[in-house]
Amino acid sequence: MKQKKNVPPKSVATGQTWQMTDSNIEITLVGRTLVHYKHFKQGIKRAHTLLLNKAVLEEFLRKNKAVLVHGTETRGQREPQLSATA
């Protein structure tokens, strides 16, 4: 049985965290054509918010074999939330 590789989906979504060999990318906001993200490199505690075209960011994730660590895989899905009822 073939296992699926965790490749980037067609479009990134807000709240996703992608892990690469030496860094992480956290998607903070997704607009119509642009994506705001933070690129945390190894050894750096803080990261500036960067802005990039969606297609360019997706290609960057594909080339660097990024793995989705946290977040939803597609734009339409949301993670289940725990209710605060007792």
Protein backbone atom coordinates (compact mmCIF):
# COMPACT_ATOMS: atom_id res chain seq x y z
CA MET A 1 0.00 0.00 0.00
CA LYS A 2 1.36 3.38 -1.02
CA GLN A 3 1.62 6.07 1.63
CA LYS A 4 0.72 9.65 0.80
CA LYS A 5 3.41 12.27 1.10
CA ASN A 6 2.48 15.40 2.98
CA VAL A 7 2.89 17.87 0.12
CA PRO A 8 1.60 21.44 0.21
CA PRO A 9 -2.07 21.76 -0.81
CA LYS A 10 -3.19 23.96 -3.71
CA SER A 11 -3.66 26.90 -1.37
CA VAL A 12 -2.27 27.74 2.04
CA ALA A 13 -4.55 28.67 4.96
CA THR A 14 -4.31 30.94 7.97
CA GLY A 15 -2.88 29.26 11.06
CA GLN A 16 -0.81 26.62 9.28
CA THR A 17 2.73 25.80 10.41
CA TRP A 18 5.10 24.21 7.89
CA GLN A 19 8.35 22.55 8.95
CA MET A 20 11.45 22.33 6.80
CA THR A 21 14.89 20.92 7.57
CA ASP A 22 16.32 24.08 9.16
CA SER A 23 13.31 26.38 9.66
CA ASN A 24 9.56 26.76 10.15
CA ILE A 25 6.99 28.91 8.36
CA GLU A 26 3.87 30.10 10.17
CA ILE A 27 1.05 31.44 7.98
CA THR A 28 -0.49 34.42 9.76
CA LEU A 29 -2.91 35.84 7.18
CA VAL A 30 -4.05 34.78 3.72
CA GLY A 31 -5.51 37.35 1.36
CA ARG A 32 -6.79 37.10 -2.20
CA THR A 33 -3.33 37.06 -3.80
CA LEU A 34 -0.84 37.63 -0.98
CA VAL A 35 0.19 35.68 2.12
CA HIS A 36 1.56 37.13 5.37
CA TYR A 37 3.90 34.67 7.06
CA LYS A 38 6.71 34.39 9.60
CA HIS A 39 9.86 32.47 8.69
CA PHE A 40 11.55 31.15 11.84
CA LYS A 41 15.11 30.02 11.15
CA GLN A 42 17.12 27.84 13.51
CA GLY A 43 18.72 29.85 16.30
CA ILE A 44 16.54 32.96 15.81
CA LYS A 45 13.95 33.68 18.50
CA ARG A 46 11.90 36.26 16.61
CA ALA A 47 10.82 36.58 13.01
CA HIS A 48 9.47 39.52 11.07
CA THR A 49 6.19 39.18 9.21
CA LEU A 50 6.90 38.77 5.50
CA LEU A 51 4.61 39.17 2.50
CA LEU A 52 4.67 36.99 -0.61
CA ASN A 53 2.50 35.94 -3.53
CA LYS A 54 0.54 32.69 -2.88
CA ALA A 55 1.93 30.83 -5.90
CA VAL A 56 5.52 31.76 -5.06
CA LEU A 57 5.15 30.65 -1.43
CA GLU A 58 3.55 27.33 -2.46
CA GLU A 59 6.41 26.69 -4.88
CA PHE A 60 8.93 27.53 -2.13
CA LEU A 61 7.24 25.01 0.21
CA ARG A 62 7.24 22.37 -2.52
CA LYS A 63 10.93 22.87 -3.38
CA ASN A 64 11.99 22.72 0.27
CA LYS A 65 9.84 19.61 0.95
CA ALA A 66 7.92 21.32 3.73
CA VAL A 67 5.73 19.17 5.97
CA LEU A 68 2.48 20.47 7.48
CA VAL A 69 2.88 20.36 11.26
CA HIS A 70 -0.15 22.31 12.47
CA GLY A 71 -3.29 23.57 10.77
CA THR A 72 -5.85 22.47 8.25
CA GLU A 73 -4.93 21.00 4.88
CA THR A 74 -7.45 22.92 2.80
CA ARG A 75 -8.91 26.37 2.97
CA GLY A 76 -12.54 25.24 3.53
CA GLN A 77 -11.84 23.01 6.53
CA ARG A 78 -11.37 24.19 10.08
CA GLU A 79 -9.90 22.46 13.06
CA PRO A 80 -12.40 21.21 15.64
CA GLN A 81 -12.70 23.45 18.67
CA LEU A 82 -13.34 22.25 22.19
CA SER A 83 -16.45 23.63 23.83
CA ALA A 84 -16.15 25.30 27.22
CA THR A 85 -19.40 23.81 28.56
CA ALA A 86 -19.27 21.71 31.70
